[in-house]
Amino acid sequence: MNRAFVFGTVSTVLSLVSSPCWAADPANPQSANTTTSVTILERTPLTEHERARAGLWGLSAAEWQRYRTLMEGIRGSISPGTISPIEVLGIHARDQAERRKYAEQWAVMMREDAERILAFQRAYDAAGRLLYPDESLIDVARLPQQIDSDDTLRRTDRVLLFARPDCAACDALLARVLARLDRLDGVDVFLTGIAAGNESAIRAWAVERGIRPEWVTTRRVTLNFEGGALARVARGRDELPVLMRRRGESVTPLSGSAL
């Protein structure tokens, strides 16, 4: 897919210090310290652990040092800690060729990871059928039932599903909703339990559950971070999964029996 320099000789260091491009800004007394710290970071050799991590991501020592420096700036302040080095370098690419290089590298890694996830899911499903051939993983009759005065779905309706990872009942309800996708305007999934901005995690979650990329591209299915949406549309409901129906501007509870 995707999240060594050494200090020069004394003469080199002196030449850098004397160069105008490294001079401190009199109007900003902090600029000298900032520049010095970044320079030191860029020239600090990689530790053995960092060299190993760089190798896992297919990055050179210079690339890993640039990634490390970028994470000391705004990228490390606003991005989740799980952002990959490839994404960081791609976001801060210095030209189009560099941006394309990291984009292609990330696409390959994500494709390979999706294939691994699907392969394990198939193995898991096969193991379940082998070990428990006469048992159902989910008792559908025990899924949350919600009162709805008009418990029907129309072709123009959108279904809102509030779920979380590692929730068997959520997965079972999602499967039933996706089975109705051709008879709906679309499905909007809101996930809790995943840090806002962690798009890699939400993509992996979707792949594991058979959500096709073309559904997302055409917005037949949208993947969203919950971010307090449940409290806005269903105040007092916090036991997941929760199913809602959007009809025009109206959002109302929907029971599992309507699927």
Protein backbone atom coordinates (compact mmCIF):
# COMPACT_ATOMS: atom_id res chain seq x y z
CA MET A 1 0.00 0.00 0.00
CA ASN A 2 0.86 3.92 3.20
CA ARG A 3 1.40 5.80 7.43
CA ALA A 4 22.22 9.13 7.56
CA PHE A 5 23.36 12.30 7.98
CA VAL A 6 26.00 13.06 10.55
CA PHE A 7 27.16 16.36 11.89
CA GLY A 8 29.56 17.89 9.43
CA THR A 9 33.05 19.05 10.13
CA VAL A 10 33.61 22.18 12.14
CA SER A 11 34.23 24.13 8.96
CA THR A 12 30.93 22.95 7.44
CA VAL A 13 28.98 23.88 10.53
CA LEU A 14 30.60 27.31 10.64
CA SER A 15 29.80 27.89 6.98
CA LEU A 16 26.13 27.05 7.59
CA VAL A 17 25.95 29.33 10.59
CA SER A 18 27.50 32.21 8.69
CA SER A 19 25.20 31.74 5.68
CA PRO A 20 22.43 34.41 5.50
CA CYS A 21 19.76 31.77 4.83
CA TRP A 22 20.23 30.43 8.37
CA ALA A 23 20.31 33.79 10.13
CA ALA A 24 17.80 34.40 12.91
CA ASP A 25 14.93 36.73 12.21
CA PRO A 26 15.32 39.76 14.55
CA ALA A 27 11.55 40.18 14.55
CA ASN A 28 11.06 36.56 15.65
CA PRO A 29 13.56 35.54 18.34
CA GLN A 30 12.19 31.97 18.27
CA SER A 31 13.10 31.45 14.60
CA ALA A 32 16.75 30.69 15.36
CA ASN A 33 15.84 27.99 17.86
CA THR A 34 13.26 26.47 15.51
CA THR A 35 15.64 26.38 12.57
CA THR A 36 18.42 24.90 14.68
CA SER A 37 16.18 22.14 16.10
CA VAL A 38 14.91 21.17 12.63
CA THR A 39 18.45 21.14 11.24
CA ILE A 40 19.66 18.92 14.06
CA LEU A 41 16.72 16.57 13.57
CA GLU A 42 17.37 16.28 9.85
CA ARG A 43 21.03 15.47 10.48
CA THR A 44 20.55 13.07 13.39
CA PRO A 45 21.40 9.51 12.31
CA LEU A 46 18.62 6.94 12.41
CA THR A 47 18.47 4.59 15.36
CA GLU A 48 18.47 0.86 14.74
CA HIS A 49 14.71 0.81 15.39
CA GLU A 50 14.12 3.63 12.92
CA ARG A 51 16.20 1.88 10.24
CA ALA A 52 14.08 -1.22 10.73
CA ARG A 53 10.84 0.75 10.45
CA ALA A 54 12.07 2.58 7.36
CA GLY A 55 12.84 -0.76 5.76
CA LEU A 56 9.34 -2.05 6.50
CA TRP A 57 7.87 0.97 4.71
CA GLY A 58 10.33 0.76 1.82
CA LEU A 59 11.88 4.13 2.63
CA SER A 60 15.48 5.28 2.52
CA ALA A 61 17.24 6.85 5.51
CA ALA A 62 16.85 10.30 3.93
CA GLU A 63 13.12 9.76 3.41
CA TRP A 64 12.66 8.60 6.99
CA GLN A 65 14.52 11.64 8.29
CA ARG A 66 12.26 13.92 6.24
CA TYR A 67 9.19 12.08 7.58
CA ARG A 68 10.51 12.48 11.13
CA THR A 69 11.06 16.20 10.60
CA LEU A 70 7.58 16.70 9.09
CA MET A 71 5.96 15.02 12.10
CA GLU A 72 7.60 17.61 14.34
CA GLY A 73 5.61 20.29 12.51
CA ILE A 74 1.93 20.83 11.72
CA ARG A 75 1.47 17.29 10.38
CA GLY A 76 2.23 15.74 13.74
CA SER A 77 -0.05 18.23 15.47
CA ILE A 78 -3.21 17.70 13.44
CA SER A 79 -2.92 14.12 12.15
CA PRO A 80 -3.62 10.95 14.15
CA GLY A 81 -0.59 9.06 15.43
CA THR A 82 -1.47 6.19 13.10
CA ILE A 83 -0.89 8.18 9.90
CA SER A 84 1.61 6.31 7.75
CA PRO A 85 5.02 7.69 6.70
CA ILE A 86 3.99 7.27 3.06
CA GLU A 87 0.94 9.50 3.57
CA VAL A 88 3.01 12.13 5.38
CA LEU A 89 5.62 12.26 2.62
CA GLY A 90 2.93 12.29 -0.08
CA ILE A 91 0.96 15.10 1.56
CA HIS A 92 4.14 17.17 1.81
CA ALA A 93 5.55 16.18 -1.59
CA ARG A 94 7.82 18.81 -3.05
CA ASP A 95 6.73 18.31 -6.66
CA GLN A 96 4.23 16.36 -8.76
CA ALA A 97 6.63 13.52 -9.50
CA GLU A 98 7.29 12.95 -5.80
CA ARG A 99 3.56 13.13 -5.05
CA ARG A 100 2.82 10.54 -7.75
CA LYS A 101 5.59 8.26 -6.45
CA TYR A 102 4.18 8.13 -2.92
CA ALA A 103 0.59 7.88 -4.17
CA GLU A 104 1.48 4.81 -6.24
CA GLN A 105 3.45 3.30 -3.37
CA TRP A 106 0.50 3.79 -1.02
CA ALA A 107 -1.99 2.38 -3.54
CA VAL A 108 0.07 -0.80 -3.90
CA MET A 109 0.38 -1.22 -0.13
CA MET A 110 -3.34 -0.66 0.45
CA ARG A 111 -4.24 -3.12 -2.32
CA GLU A 112 -1.95 -5.78 -0.87
CA ASP A 113 -3.34 -5.19 2.62
CA ALA A 114 -6.93 -5.47 1.39
CA GLU A 115 -6.08 -8.80 -0.24
CA ARG A 116 -4.58 -10.05 3.03
CA ILE A 117 -7.67 -8.96 4.97
CA LEU A 118 -10.04 -10.66 2.53
CA ALA A 119 -7.96 -13.84 2.53
CA PHE A 120 -8.09 -14.02 6.31
CA GLN A 121 -11.83 -13.27 6.32
CA ARG A 122 -12.43 -16.16 3.93
CA ALA A 123 -10.30 -18.44 6.12
CA TYR A 124 -12.22 -17.30 9.20
CA ASP A 125 -15.58 -17.96 7.52
CA ALA A 126 -14.42 -21.42 6.45
CA ALA A 127 -13.19 -22.18 9.97
CA GLY A 128 -16.54 -21.17 11.42
CA ARG A 129 -18.43 -23.44 9.06
CA LEU A 130 -16.06 -26.31 9.85
CA LEU A 131 -16.03 -25.93 13.63
CA TYR A 132 -19.66 -24.94 14.15
CA PRO A 133 -21.62 -26.32 11.17
CA ASP A 134 -25.01 -26.31 12.91
CA GLU A 135 -24.77 -23.00 14.76
CA SER A 136 -25.63 -19.49 13.66
CA LEU A 137 -23.22 -16.79 14.80
CA ILE A 138 -26.02 -14.25 15.29
CA ASP A 139 -29.57 -14.76 16.48
CA VAL A 140 -31.25 -12.25 14.17
CA ALA A 141 -34.44 -12.37 16.22
CA ARG A 142 -32.57 -10.78 19.11
CA LEU A 143 -31.33 -7.76 17.17
CA PRO A 144 -32.57 -4.40 18.52
CA GLN A 145 -36.12 -3.69 17.40
CA GLN A 146 -37.23 -0.08 17.16
CA ILE A 147 -40.73 1.31 17.06
CA ASP A 148 -41.57 3.04 13.81
CA SER A 149 -45.03 4.37 12.97
CA ASP A 150 -44.36 3.81 9.25
CA ASP A 151 -42.14 0.75 9.27
CA THR A 152 -41.51 0.58 5.54
CA LEU A 153 -38.74 1.54 3.18
CA ARG A 154 -39.08 3.31 -0.15
CA ARG A 155 -36.74 3.49 -3.11
CA THR A 156 -35.97 7.13 -2.25
CA ASP A 157 -35.06 6.43 1.40
CA ARG A 158 -31.56 6.31 2.83
CA VAL A 159 -30.73 4.06 5.76
CA LEU A 160 -28.45 5.34 8.52
CA LEU A 161 -26.58 2.66 10.45
CA PHE A 162 -24.66 3.55 13.60
CA ALA A 163 -22.16 0.82 14.42
CA ARG A 164 -18.74 0.12 15.83
CA PRO A 165 -15.91 -2.30 15.00
CA ASP A 166 -15.78 -5.65 16.81
CA CYS A 167 -19.57 -5.71 17.11
CA ALA A 168 -21.11 -8.93 15.78
CA ALA A 169 -24.66 -7.55 15.97
CA CYS A 170 -23.54 -4.47 14.01
CA ASP A 171 -21.99 -6.66 11.31
CA ALA A 172 -25.12 -8.79 11.03
CA LEU A 173 -27.35 -5.73 10.68
CA LEU A 174 -24.98 -4.19 8.13
CA ALA A 175 -25.19 -7.35 6.02
CA ARG A 176 -29.00 -7.12 6.01
CA VAL A 177 -28.90 -3.43 5.08
CA LEU A 178 -26.46 -4.04 2.22
CA ALA A 179 -28.70 -6.80 0.92
CA ARG A 180 -31.39 -4.12 0.43
CA LEU A 181 -29.02 -1.64 -1.22
CA ASP A 182 -30.53 -2.02 -4.69
CA ARG A 183 -33.93 -1.03 -3.29
CA LEU A 184 -32.72 2.09 -1.48
CA ASP A 185 -31.30 5.46 -2.36
CA GLY A 186 -28.28 4.54 -0.29
CA VAL A 187 -26.78 3.64 3.08
CA ASP A 188 -24.88 5.98 5.40
CA VAL A 189 -22.67 4.19 7.92
CA PHE A 190 -21.52 6.07 11.01
CA LEU A 191 -18.71 4.39 12.94
CA THR A 192 -17.77 4.99 16.54
CA GLY A 193 -14.67 3.58 18.17
CA ILE A 194 -12.37 4.77 15.37
CA ALA A 195 -10.40 7.96 15.88
CA ALA A 196 -11.59 10.82 13.70
CA GLY A 197 -9.35 11.13 10.68
CA ASN A 198 -8.13 7.54 10.76
CA GLU A 199 -9.26 6.82 7.23
CA SER A 200 -7.03 3.74 6.93
CA ALA A 201 -8.93 2.06 9.77
CA ILE A 202 -12.36 2.87 8.35
CA ARG A 203 -11.29 1.63 4.89
CA ALA A 204 -10.00 -1.61 6.37
CA TRP A 205 -13.26 -2.04 8.30
CA ALA A 206 -15.28 -1.57 5.10
CA VAL A 207 -13.16 -4.04 3.11
CA GLU A 208 -13.53 -6.70 5.80
CA ARG A 209 -17.31 -6.41 5.57
CA GLY A 210 -17.59 -6.59 1.80
CA ILE A 211 -18.37 -2.94 1.11
CA ARG A 212 -17.36 -2.46 -2.52
CA PRO A 213 -15.21 0.54 -3.53
CA GLU A 214 -17.64 1.42 -6.34
CA TRP A 215 -20.48 1.73 -3.83
CA VAL A 216 -18.45 4.31 -1.93
CA THR A 217 -17.34 6.10 -5.09
CA THR A 218 -20.94 6.51 -6.29
CA ARG A 219 -22.09 7.35 -2.72
CA ARG A 220 -24.53 4.46 -2.63
CA VAL A 221 -22.68 3.79 0.61
CA THR A 222 -20.98 6.53 2.63
CA LEU A 223 -18.51 5.85 5.43
CA ASN A 224 -18.49 8.42 8.20
CA PHE A 225 -16.92 9.00 11.59
CA GLU A 226 -19.79 9.16 14.08
CA GLY A 227 -18.58 12.39 15.72
CA GLY A 228 -21.72 12.96 17.81
CA ALA A 229 -24.20 12.38 14.95
CA LEU A 230 -26.14 9.74 16.91
CA ALA A 231 -26.90 12.15 19.74
CA ARG A 232 -28.22 14.66 17.21
CA VAL A 233 -30.65 12.30 15.46
CA ALA A 234 -31.48 9.82 18.24
CA ARG A 235 -30.96 11.45 21.60
CA GLY A 236 -30.75 8.94 24.41
CA ARG A 237 -29.86 6.01 22.15
CA ASP A 238 -26.33 4.78 22.83
CA GLU A 239 -26.60 0.99 22.56
CA LEU A 240 -25.31 -0.01 19.14
CA PRO A 241 -26.28 -0.88 16.50
CA VAL A 242 -28.87 1.82 15.83
CA LEU A 243 -30.85 1.98 12.60
CA MET A 244 -32.46 5.17 11.26
CA ARG A 245 -34.27 6.13 8.06
CA ARG A 246 -33.77 9.40 6.19
CA ARG A 247 -36.75 10.41 4.09
CA GLY A 248 -36.30 13.87 2.66
CA GLU A 249 -35.38 16.09 5.60
CA SER A 250 -36.87 13.72 8.17
CA VAL A 251 -34.81 11.19 10.13
CA THR A 252 -36.78 8.58 12.08
CA PRO A 253 -36.02 5.30 13.88
CA LEU A 254 -36.20 2.15 11.79
CA SER A 255 -36.69 -1.39 13.05
CA GLY A 256 -34.67 -4.34 11.86
CA SER A 257 -37.87 -6.03 10.73
CA ALA A 258 -38.24 -3.44 7.95
CA LEU A 259 -35.21 -4.84 6.15
